Amino acid sequence: MKQSAYLWGGFILCVVSIIALLFKINSLESKLRILGESNSSSISALQNSLKLAQADARTVKELAPGLGEFMTTIQLHAAKLWFAAQATNWDLAKYELDELKETMEAAKGLNEEKNGVKISNVLDSVLQTQVADLDKSIESKRQTEFQKSYDETLSACNGCHTEAGYKFIRIVRPTAPPVTNQRW
């Protein structure tokens, strides 16, 4: 009789354990279902965020300045550079040259190609050669060296314009200040 009681006790313990395990499994399945639903909504939210980011990137690209705007800014800084050097205001000349370099670097970032000419490569070459010579001429504070390197820079610019199919764009030494409200 004692053995039978132990057997019944063991049997009841097994049944209770199985019932507890079934409840636990059911609870875990519910949690997995909830996690799956939240992951689905998280994935959906991430996909929506990605679509918005792509739309923002397109908008930014559409609103960003193009190569023409950068070239006009380069032209303005080149003219201001000329008048600063003519007035022997070497600090202003250095400043305008740095602005010119900064704009050329930004234009390089467009990675434009015009009629088979990779503009970024040309800009990089001009920065490393003619603009580097301009920098040295400003440091030396010698008008003749400056004028020579300035003319060589303009020549490089015009050569690029011609190669890229824009030979009608010819940049020359300025004859009048680009702005009238600045002391040179």
N, C-alpha and C. Protein backbone atom coordinates (compact mmCIF):
# COMPACT_ATOMS: atom_id res chain seq x y z
N MET A 1 0.80 -1.16 0.00
CA MET A 1 0.00 0.00 0.00
C MET A 1 0.86 1.26 0.00
N LYS A 2 1.92 1.19 0.72
CA LYS A 2 2.83 2.33 0.77
C LYS A 2 3.39 2.60 -0.62
N GLN A 3 3.70 1.54 -1.35
CA GLN A 3 4.26 1.72 -2.69
C GLN A 3 3.22 2.34 -3.62
N SER A 4 1.99 1.95 -3.47
CA SER A 4 0.94 2.47 -4.30
C SER A 4 0.75 3.97 -4.04
N ALA A 5 0.88 4.39 -2.80
CA ALA A 5 0.76 5.80 -2.47
C ALA A 5 1.90 6.59 -3.12
N TYR A 6 3.09 6.01 -3.08
CA TYR A 6 4.23 6.68 -3.72
C TYR A 6 4.02 6.79 -5.23
N LEU A 7 3.49 5.72 -5.83
CA LEU A 7 3.25 5.75 -7.26
C LEU A 7 2.21 6.81 -7.62
N TRP A 8 1.13 6.86 -6.83
CA TRP A 8 0.12 7.87 -7.08
C TRP A 8 0.67 9.28 -6.87
N GLY A 9 1.46 9.43 -5.89
CA GLY A 9 2.08 10.74 -5.61
C GLY A 9 2.99 11.15 -6.76
N GLY A 10 3.80 10.19 -7.25
CA GLY A 10 4.69 10.47 -8.38
C GLY A 10 3.90 10.80 -9.63
N PHE A 11 2.79 10.04 -9.84
CA PHE A 11 1.95 10.26 -11.01
C PHE A 11 1.33 11.67 -10.96
N ILE A 12 0.79 12.04 -9.82
CA ILE A 12 0.18 13.36 -9.66
C ILE A 12 1.22 14.46 -9.86
N LEU A 13 2.41 14.24 -9.32
CA LEU A 13 3.50 15.21 -9.49
C LEU A 13 3.85 15.37 -10.96
N CYS A 14 3.90 14.28 -11.70
CA CYS A 14 4.19 14.35 -13.15
C CYS A 14 3.09 15.10 -13.88
N VAL A 15 1.82 14.82 -13.55
CA VAL A 15 0.70 15.48 -14.21
C VAL A 15 0.74 16.99 -13.93
N VAL A 16 0.98 17.36 -12.67
CA VAL A 16 1.06 18.78 -12.31
C VAL A 16 2.23 19.44 -13.06
N SER A 17 3.37 18.75 -13.14
CA SER A 17 4.54 19.29 -13.86
C SER A 17 4.23 19.48 -15.33
N ILE A 18 3.55 18.51 -15.94
CA ILE A 18 3.20 18.62 -17.36
C ILE A 18 2.25 19.79 -17.57
N ILE A 19 1.26 19.96 -16.70
CA ILE A 19 0.31 21.07 -16.82
C ILE A 19 1.05 22.40 -16.68
N ALA A 20 1.97 22.49 -15.72
CA ALA A 20 2.75 23.72 -15.52
C ALA A 20 3.60 24.01 -16.76
N LEU A 21 4.22 22.98 -17.33
CA LEU A 21 5.02 23.17 -18.54
C LEU A 21 4.15 23.63 -19.72
N LEU A 22 2.95 23.09 -19.85
CA LEU A 22 2.05 23.50 -20.93
C LEU A 22 1.68 24.98 -20.78
N PHE A 23 1.39 25.40 -19.53
CA PHE A 23 1.10 26.82 -19.31
C PHE A 23 2.31 27.70 -19.65
N LYS A 24 3.48 27.23 -19.28
CA LYS A 24 4.71 28.00 -19.56
C LYS A 24 4.94 28.11 -21.07
N ILE A 25 4.75 27.00 -21.79
CA ILE A 25 4.92 27.00 -23.25
C ILE A 25 3.91 27.95 -23.88
N ASN A 26 2.67 27.91 -23.43
CA ASN A 26 1.64 28.81 -23.96
C ASN A 26 2.01 30.27 -23.71
N SER A 27 2.54 30.55 -22.53
CA SER A 27 2.95 31.91 -22.19
C SER A 27 4.10 32.37 -23.10
N LEU A 28 5.06 31.47 -23.31
CA LEU A 28 6.20 31.82 -24.19
C LEU A 28 5.75 32.03 -25.63
N GLU A 29 4.81 31.22 -26.10
CA GLU A 29 4.30 31.41 -27.45
C GLU A 29 3.62 32.78 -27.59
N SER A 30 2.89 33.19 -26.59
CA SER A 30 2.24 34.50 -26.61
C SER A 30 3.28 35.62 -26.68
N LYS A 31 4.32 35.49 -25.87
CA LYS A 31 5.39 36.50 -25.87
C LYS A 31 6.09 36.55 -27.22
N LEU A 32 6.35 35.38 -27.82
CA LEU A 32 6.99 35.34 -29.14
C LEU A 32 6.11 36.00 -30.19
N ARG A 33 4.81 35.75 -30.10
CA ARG A 33 3.88 36.35 -31.05
C ARG A 33 3.90 37.87 -30.91
N ILE A 34 3.90 38.36 -29.68
CA ILE A 34 3.94 39.80 -29.44
C ILE A 34 5.25 40.39 -29.95
N LEU A 35 6.37 39.70 -29.68
CA LEU A 35 7.67 40.17 -30.18
C LEU A 35 7.69 40.20 -31.70
N GLY A 36 7.14 39.17 -32.30
CA GLY A 36 7.10 39.12 -33.76
C GLY A 36 6.30 40.28 -34.34
N GLU A 37 5.17 40.58 -33.69
CA GLU A 37 4.35 41.70 -34.15
C GLU A 37 5.09 43.03 -33.97
N SER A 38 5.78 43.19 -32.83
CA SER A 38 6.50 44.45 -32.61
C SER A 38 7.70 44.54 -33.54
N ASN A 39 8.35 43.40 -33.84
CA ASN A 39 9.45 43.42 -34.80
C ASN A 39 8.94 43.79 -36.18
N SER A 40 7.76 43.28 -36.53
CA SER A 40 7.17 43.63 -37.82
C SER A 40 6.93 45.12 -37.89
N SER A 41 6.37 45.67 -36.82
CA SER A 41 6.11 47.11 -36.84
C SER A 41 7.42 47.89 -36.78
N SER A 42 8.43 47.35 -36.09
CA SER A 42 9.75 48.02 -36.05
C SER A 42 10.38 48.00 -37.43
N ILE A 43 10.30 46.87 -38.10
CA ILE A 43 10.86 46.76 -39.44
C ILE A 43 10.12 47.71 -40.38
N SER A 44 8.81 47.75 -40.23
CA SER A 44 8.01 48.65 -41.06
C SER A 44 8.38 50.11 -40.79
N ALA A 45 8.59 50.44 -39.52
CA ALA A 45 8.99 51.80 -39.16
C ALA A 45 10.37 52.12 -39.74
N LEU A 46 11.29 51.16 -39.68
CA LEU A 46 12.63 51.36 -40.25
C LEU A 46 12.54 51.56 -41.76
N GLN A 47 11.69 50.77 -42.42
CA GLN A 47 11.53 50.92 -43.86
C GLN A 47 10.97 52.30 -44.21
N ASN A 48 10.01 52.76 -43.42
CA ASN A 48 9.46 54.10 -43.64
C ASN A 48 10.51 55.17 -43.41
N SER A 49 11.32 55.01 -42.38
CA SER A 49 12.40 55.97 -42.10
C SER A 49 13.39 56.01 -43.25
N LEU A 50 13.72 54.84 -43.79
CA LEU A 50 14.65 54.77 -44.91
C LEU A 50 14.08 55.48 -46.13
N LYS A 51 12.80 55.28 -46.40
CA LYS A 51 12.15 55.96 -47.53
C LYS A 51 12.19 57.47 -47.35
N LEU A 52 11.92 57.93 -46.12
CA LEU A 52 11.97 59.37 -45.85
C LEU A 52 13.39 59.91 -46.02
N ALA A 53 14.38 59.16 -45.54
CA ALA A 53 15.77 59.59 -45.68
C ALA A 53 16.17 59.67 -47.15
N GLN A 54 15.74 58.70 -47.95
CA GLN A 54 16.04 58.74 -49.38
C GLN A 54 15.37 59.94 -50.05
N ALA A 55 14.16 60.24 -49.65
CA ALA A 55 13.46 61.41 -50.21
C ALA A 55 14.18 62.68 -49.79
N ASP A 56 14.63 62.74 -48.52
CA ASP A 56 15.38 63.91 -48.06
C ASP A 56 16.68 64.06 -48.84
N ALA A 57 17.36 62.95 -49.10
CA ALA A 57 18.62 63.01 -49.85
C ALA A 57 18.37 63.54 -51.26
N ARG A 58 17.29 63.11 -51.89
CA ARG A 58 16.96 63.63 -53.23
C ARG A 58 16.68 65.12 -53.16
N THR A 59 15.95 65.55 -52.14
CA THR A 59 15.62 66.97 -51.99
C THR A 59 16.88 67.78 -51.77
N VAL A 60 17.77 67.29 -50.93
CA VAL A 60 19.03 68.00 -50.67
C VAL A 60 19.83 68.12 -51.95
N LYS A 61 19.90 67.03 -52.72
CA LYS A 61 20.66 67.07 -53.97
C LYS A 61 20.05 68.08 -54.95
N GLU A 62 18.72 68.12 -54.99
CA GLU A 62 18.05 69.07 -55.89
C GLU A 62 18.29 70.51 -55.46
N LEU A 63 18.39 70.75 -54.16
CA LEU A 63 18.57 72.10 -53.65
C LEU A 63 20.03 72.53 -53.58
N ALA A 64 20.94 71.56 -53.62
CA ALA A 64 22.37 71.86 -53.50
C ALA A 64 22.86 72.62 -54.73
N PRO A 65 23.87 73.47 -54.53
CA PRO A 65 24.42 74.19 -55.68
C PRO A 65 25.03 73.22 -56.69
N GLY A 66 24.91 73.59 -57.95
CA GLY A 66 25.50 72.79 -59.00
C GLY A 66 26.87 73.33 -59.37
N LEU A 67 27.48 72.74 -60.36
CA LEU A 67 28.82 73.13 -60.78
C LEU A 67 28.88 74.60 -61.20
N GLY A 68 27.86 75.08 -61.89
CA GLY A 68 27.83 76.48 -62.33
C GLY A 68 27.89 77.46 -61.16
N GLU A 69 27.15 77.15 -60.10
CA GLU A 69 27.16 78.02 -58.92
C GLU A 69 28.54 78.03 -58.27
N PHE A 70 29.17 76.85 -58.20
CA PHE A 70 30.51 76.79 -57.62
C PHE A 70 31.51 77.57 -58.49
N MET A 71 31.38 77.44 -59.81
CA MET A 71 32.30 78.15 -60.71
C MET A 71 32.13 79.66 -60.61
N THR A 72 30.90 80.12 -60.45
CA THR A 72 30.66 81.56 -60.28
C THR A 72 31.29 82.05 -58.97
N THR A 73 31.19 81.26 -57.93
CA THR A 73 31.81 81.62 -56.65
C THR A 73 33.33 81.63 -56.78
N ILE A 74 33.89 80.67 -57.50
CA ILE A 74 35.34 80.64 -57.74
C ILE A 74 35.75 81.91 -58.48
N GLN A 75 34.97 82.27 -59.48
CA GLN A 75 35.27 83.48 -60.27
C GLN A 75 35.25 84.72 -59.38
N LEU A 76 34.28 84.81 -58.49
CA LEU A 76 34.19 85.96 -57.59
C LEU A 76 35.42 86.02 -56.68
N HIS A 77 35.81 84.89 -56.09
CA HIS A 77 36.98 84.89 -55.21
C HIS A 77 38.26 85.19 -55.99
N ALA A 78 38.33 84.73 -57.23
CA ALA A 78 39.52 85.02 -58.05
C ALA A 78 39.61 86.52 -58.33
N ALA A 79 38.49 87.16 -58.61
CA ALA A 79 38.50 88.61 -58.85
C ALA A 79 38.89 89.36 -57.58
N LYS A 80 38.32 88.96 -56.46
CA LYS A 80 38.66 89.62 -55.20
C LYS A 80 40.13 89.40 -54.85
N LEU A 81 40.62 88.22 -55.16
CA LEU A 81 42.03 87.90 -54.95
C LEU A 81 42.91 88.86 -55.77
N TRP A 82 42.54 89.08 -57.01
CA TRP A 82 43.29 89.97 -57.88
C TRP A 82 43.40 91.38 -57.29
N PHE A 83 42.27 91.92 -56.88
CA PHE A 83 42.28 93.29 -56.35
C PHE A 83 42.98 93.38 -55.00
N ALA A 84 42.89 92.36 -54.20
CA ALA A 84 43.61 92.36 -52.92
C ALA A 84 45.11 92.40 -53.18
N ALA A 85 45.58 91.59 -54.14
CA ALA A 85 47.02 91.56 -54.46
C ALA A 85 47.46 92.88 -55.09
N GLN A 86 46.62 93.45 -55.95
CA GLN A 86 46.98 94.72 -56.57
C GLN A 86 47.13 95.82 -55.52
N ALA A 87 46.38 95.72 -54.45
CA ALA A 87 46.46 96.71 -53.37
C ALA A 87 47.52 96.30 -52.33
N THR A 88 48.26 95.25 -52.64
CA THR A 88 49.26 94.65 -51.73
C THR A 88 48.69 94.35 -50.34
N ASN A 89 47.43 94.00 -50.33
CA ASN A 89 46.78 93.55 -49.10
C ASN A 89 46.92 92.03 -49.07
N TRP A 90 48.09 91.56 -48.70
CA TRP A 90 48.44 90.14 -48.80
C TRP A 90 47.63 89.28 -47.83
N ASP A 91 47.20 89.86 -46.72
CA ASP A 91 46.35 89.09 -45.80
C ASP A 91 44.99 88.80 -46.46
N LEU A 92 44.44 89.81 -47.10
CA LEU A 92 43.17 89.61 -47.80
C LEU A 92 43.36 88.67 -48.99
N ALA A 93 44.47 88.81 -49.69
CA ALA A 93 44.75 87.91 -50.82
C ALA A 93 44.81 86.46 -50.34
N LYS A 94 45.47 86.23 -49.22
CA LYS A 94 45.57 84.88 -48.66
C LYS A 94 44.18 84.36 -48.29
N TYR A 95 43.40 85.23 -47.68
CA TYR A 95 42.03 84.85 -47.30
C TYR A 95 41.22 84.46 -48.54
N GLU A 96 41.26 85.29 -49.57
CA GLU A 96 40.48 85.01 -50.79
C GLU A 96 40.98 83.73 -51.47
N LEU A 97 42.29 83.51 -51.42
CA LEU A 97 42.81 82.27 -52.00
C LEU A 97 42.29 81.06 -51.23
N ASP A 98 42.25 81.16 -49.91
CA ASP A 98 41.72 80.06 -49.10
C ASP A 98 40.24 79.82 -49.41
N GLU A 99 39.48 80.88 -49.62
CA GLU A 99 38.07 80.75 -49.99
C GLU A 99 37.94 80.09 -51.37
N LEU A 100 38.81 80.48 -52.27
CA LEU A 100 38.82 79.89 -53.61
C LEU A 100 39.11 78.39 -53.53
N LYS A 101 40.10 78.03 -52.73
CA LYS A 101 40.45 76.60 -52.54
C LYS A 101 39.27 75.82 -51.95
N GLU A 102 38.65 76.42 -50.94
CA GLU A 102 37.51 75.76 -50.28
C GLU A 102 36.39 75.50 -51.28
N THR A 103 36.12 76.46 -52.14
CA THR A 103 35.06 76.31 -53.13
C THR A 103 35.45 75.27 -54.17
N MET A 104 36.71 75.25 -54.56
CA MET A 104 37.17 74.24 -55.52
C MET A 104 37.04 72.84 -54.92
N GLU A 105 37.36 72.70 -53.65
CA GLU A 105 37.22 71.40 -52.98
C GLU A 105 35.76 70.96 -52.96
N ALA A 106 34.86 71.90 -52.67
CA ALA A 106 33.43 71.57 -52.66
C ALA A 106 32.96 71.17 -54.06
N ALA A 107 33.43 71.87 -55.08
CA ALA A 107 33.06 71.54 -56.46
C ALA A 107 33.58 70.15 -56.84
N LYS A 108 34.76 69.81 -56.34
CA LYS A 108 35.30 68.47 -56.60
C LYS A 108 34.34 67.39 -56.11
N GLY A 109 33.68 67.67 -54.98
CA GLY A 109 32.76 66.70 -54.38
C GLY A 109 31.56 66.37 -55.25
N LEU A 110 31.28 67.18 -56.24
CA LEU A 110 30.16 66.89 -57.14
C LEU A 110 30.46 65.73 -58.08
N ASN A 111 31.75 65.48 -58.32
CA ASN A 111 32.17 64.41 -59.24
C ASN A 111 31.50 64.55 -60.61
N GLU A 112 31.49 65.77 -61.10
CA GLU A 112 30.88 66.06 -62.40
C GLU A 112 31.80 65.63 -63.54
N GLU A 113 31.16 65.29 -64.64
CA GLU A 113 31.89 65.01 -65.88
C GLU A 113 31.19 65.77 -66.99
N LYS A 114 31.96 66.53 -67.75
CA LYS A 114 31.41 67.31 -68.85
C LYS A 114 32.15 66.94 -70.13
N ASN A 115 31.41 66.39 -71.09
CA ASN A 115 31.98 66.00 -72.38
C ASN A 115 33.24 65.16 -72.23
N GLY A 116 33.20 64.21 -71.31
CA GLY A 116 34.32 63.30 -71.11
C GLY A 116 35.43 63.84 -70.20
N VAL A 117 35.29 65.06 -69.71
CA VAL A 117 36.30 65.66 -68.83
C VAL A 117 35.81 65.51 -67.39
N LYS A 118 36.60 64.82 -66.58
CA LYS A 118 36.25 64.66 -65.17
C LYS A 118 36.71 65.93 -64.44
N ILE A 119 35.74 66.76 -64.12
CA ILE A 119 36.01 68.08 -63.55
C ILE A 119 36.76 67.96 -62.22
N SER A 120 36.43 66.97 -61.42
CA SER A 120 37.11 66.79 -60.13
C SER A 120 38.60 66.60 -60.32
N ASN A 121 38.97 65.82 -61.32
CA ASN A 121 40.40 65.58 -61.58
C ASN A 121 41.11 66.87 -62.01
N VAL A 122 40.43 67.65 -62.85
CA VAL A 122 41.02 68.92 -63.31
C VAL A 122 41.18 69.87 -62.12
N LEU A 123 40.13 69.99 -61.31
CA LEU A 123 40.20 70.87 -60.15
C LEU A 123 41.33 70.45 -59.21
N ASP A 124 41.46 69.16 -59.01
CA ASP A 124 42.53 68.66 -58.14
C ASP A 124 43.90 69.02 -58.71
N SER A 125 44.05 68.87 -60.01
CA SER A 125 45.32 69.20 -60.66
C SER A 125 45.63 70.69 -60.53
N VAL A 126 44.63 71.54 -60.77
CA VAL A 126 44.83 72.99 -60.67
C VAL A 126 45.16 73.38 -59.23
N LEU A 127 44.51 72.74 -58.28
CA LEU A 127 44.81 73.02 -56.87
C LEU A 127 46.26 72.67 -56.53
N GLN A 128 46.72 71.56 -57.06
CA GLN A 128 48.07 71.10 -56.72
C GLN A 128 49.17 71.85 -57.47
N THR A 129 48.83 72.48 -58.57
CA THR A 129 49.87 73.15 -59.37
C THR A 129 49.69 74.67 -59.35
N GLN A 130 48.78 75.18 -60.17
CA GLN A 130 48.62 76.62 -60.31
C GLN A 130 48.23 77.31 -59.00
N VAL A 131 47.28 76.74 -58.27
CA VAL A 131 46.84 77.37 -57.02
C VAL A 131 47.95 77.28 -55.97
N ALA A 132 48.69 76.19 -55.98
CA ALA A 132 49.84 76.08 -55.06
C ALA A 132 50.87 77.16 -55.37
N ASP A 133 51.06 77.44 -56.68
CA ASP A 133 51.98 78.52 -57.07
C ASP A 133 51.44 79.89 -56.64
N LEU A 134 50.14 80.08 -56.76
CA LEU A 134 49.53 81.32 -56.29
C LEU A 134 49.79 81.51 -54.79
N ASP A 135 49.65 80.43 -54.06
CA ASP A 135 49.89 80.48 -52.61
C ASP A 135 51.33 80.92 -52.32
N LYS A 136 52.27 80.35 -53.05
CA LYS A 136 53.69 80.72 -52.86
C LYS A 136 53.93 82.18 -53.22
N SER A 137 53.27 82.64 -54.29
CA SER A 137 53.48 84.03 -54.71
C SER A 137 52.91 85.01 -53.68
N ILE A 138 51.83 84.63 -53.04
CA ILE A 138 51.26 85.48 -51.99
C ILE A 138 52.19 85.50 -50.78
N GLU A 139 52.74 84.35 -50.46
CA GLU A 139 53.68 84.28 -49.33
C GLU A 139 54.92 85.14 -49.59
N SER A 140 55.37 85.16 -50.85
CA SER A 140 56.57 85.93 -51.19
C SER A 140 56.27 87.44 -51.28
N LYS A 141 54.98 87.77 -51.45
CA LYS A 141 54.54 89.17 -51.55
C LYS A 141 55.21 89.90 -52.71
N ARG A 142 55.35 89.19 -53.82
CA ARG A 142 55.94 89.78 -55.03
C ARG A 142 54.88 89.87 -56.12
N GLN A 143 54.63 91.08 -56.57
CA GLN A 143 53.60 91.33 -57.57
C GLN A 143 53.85 90.55 -58.86
N THR A 144 55.08 90.56 -59.35
CA THR A 144 55.35 89.90 -60.63
C THR A 144 55.11 88.39 -60.54
N GLU A 145 55.52 87.79 -59.44
CA GLU A 145 55.27 86.35 -59.27
C GLU A 145 53.77 86.08 -59.16
N PHE A 146 53.10 86.95 -58.42
CA PHE A 146 51.65 86.78 -58.27
C PHE A 146 50.97 86.88 -59.63
N GLN A 147 51.27 87.91 -60.40
CA GLN A 147 50.62 88.10 -61.70
C GLN A 147 50.87 86.91 -62.63
N LYS A 148 52.10 86.40 -62.60
CA LYS A 148 52.43 85.24 -63.44
C LYS A 148 51.61 84.01 -63.02
N SER A 149 51.57 83.72 -61.73
CA SER A 149 50.83 82.54 -61.27
C SER A 149 49.32 82.74 -61.44
N TYR A 150 48.85 83.97 -61.30
CA TYR A 150 47.43 84.27 -61.50
C TYR A 150 47.04 84.00 -62.96
N ASP A 151 47.86 84.51 -63.88
CA ASP A 151 47.60 84.30 -65.31
C ASP A 151 47.65 82.82 -65.68
N GLU A 152 48.57 82.08 -65.08
CA GLU A 152 48.66 80.63 -65.34
C GLU A 152 47.42 79.91 -64.80
N THR A 153 46.91 80.37 -63.68
CA THR A 153 45.69 79.78 -63.13
C THR A 153 44.51 80.03 -64.07
N LEU A 154 44.38 81.27 -64.54
CA LEU A 154 43.31 81.58 -65.49
C LEU A 154 43.44 80.74 -66.75
N SER A 155 44.67 80.58 -67.22
CA SER A 155 44.91 79.77 -68.41
C SER A 155 44.46 78.32 -68.19
N ALA A 156 44.76 77.77 -67.02
CA ALA A 156 44.32 76.40 -66.71
C ALA A 156 42.80 76.31 -66.68
N CYS A 157 42.17 77.32 -66.09
CA CYS A 157 40.70 77.33 -66.04
C CYS A 157 40.11 77.37 -67.45
N ASN A 158 40.66 78.26 -68.28
CA ASN A 158 40.15 78.38 -69.64
C ASN A 158 40.43 77.12 -70.46
N GLY A 159 41.56 76.47 -70.21
CA GLY A 159 41.85 75.21 -70.89
C GLY A 159 40.81 74.15 -70.54
N CYS A 160 40.42 74.09 -69.29
CA CYS A 160 39.38 73.15 -68.87
C CYS A 160 38.04 73.49 -69.53
N HIS A 161 37.71 74.77 -69.55
CA HIS A 161 36.45 75.18 -70.19
C HIS A 161 36.42 74.72 -71.65
N THR A 162 37.53 74.91 -72.35
CA THR A 162 37.61 74.51 -73.75
C THR A 162 37.46 72.99 -73.90
N GLU A 163 38.22 72.24 -73.11
CA GLU A 163 38.17 70.77 -73.19
C GLU A 163 36.79 70.22 -72.86
N ALA A 164 36.10 70.87 -71.92
CA ALA A 164 34.79 70.38 -71.48
C ALA A 164 33.66 70.85 -72.40
N GLY A 165 34.01 71.60 -73.47
CA GLY A 165 32.99 72.03 -74.42
C GLY A 165 32.39 73.39 -74.10
N TYR A 166 33.06 74.16 -73.26
CA TYR A 166 32.55 75.48 -72.88
C TYR A 166 33.58 76.57 -73.21
N LYS A 167 34.13 76.50 -74.42
CA LYS A 167 35.19 77.46 -74.79
C LYS A 167 34.70 78.90 -74.81
N PHE A 168 33.39 79.10 -74.83
CA PHE A 168 32.84 80.44 -74.80
C PHE A 168 32.96 81.08 -73.41
N ILE A 169 33.33 80.28 -72.41
CA ILE A 169 33.58 80.82 -71.06
C ILE A 169 35.07 81.11 -70.96
N ARG A 170 35.43 82.37 -71.06
CA ARG A 170 36.84 82.81 -71.01
C ARG A 170 37.00 83.74 -69.82
N ILE A 171 37.81 83.35 -68.88
CA ILE A 171 38.05 84.17 -67.69
C ILE A 171 39.32 84.99 -67.92
N VAL A 172 39.24 86.27 -67.60
CA VAL A 172 40.37 87.19 -67.79
C VAL A 172 40.61 87.94 -66.48
N ARG A 173 41.72 88.67 -66.45
CA ARG A 173 41.98 89.54 -65.30
C ARG A 173 40.82 90.53 -65.18
N PRO A 174 40.35 90.75 -63.98
CA PRO A 174 39.26 91.72 -63.83
C PRO A 174 39.76 93.15 -64.03
N THR A 175 38.90 94.00 -64.55
CA THR A 175 39.28 95.40 -64.76
C THR A 175 38.57 96.33 -63.78
N ALA A 176 37.55 95.83 -63.11
CA ALA A 176 36.84 96.61 -62.10
C ALA A 176 36.54 95.69 -60.92
N PRO A 177 36.58 96.22 -59.73
CA PRO A 177 36.31 95.39 -58.55
C PRO A 177 34.93 94.73 -58.64
N PRO A 178 34.82 93.47 -58.22
CA PRO A 178 33.53 92.78 -58.29
C PRO A 178 32.52 93.31 -57.28
N VAL A 179 33.02 93.95 -56.24
CA VAL A 179 32.14 94.58 -55.26
C VAL A 179 32.70 95.98 -54.98
N THR A 180 31.80 96.89 -54.73
CA THR A 180 32.25 98.28 -54.52
C THR A 180 32.23 98.65 -53.04
N ASN A 181 31.82 97.73 -52.20
CA ASN A 181 31.72 98.05 -50.78
C ASN A 181 32.80 97.38 -49.94
N GLN A 182 33.96 97.17 -50.55
CA GLN A 182 35.08 96.55 -49.83
C GLN A 182 36.34 97.36 -50.06
N ARG A 183 37.09 97.58 -48.99
CA ARG A 183 38.37 98.26 -49.12
C ARG A 183 39.43 97.23 -49.46
N TRP A 184 40.13 97.50 -50.51
CA TRP A 184 41.14 96.54 -50.96
C TRP A 184 42.47 96.83 -50.28
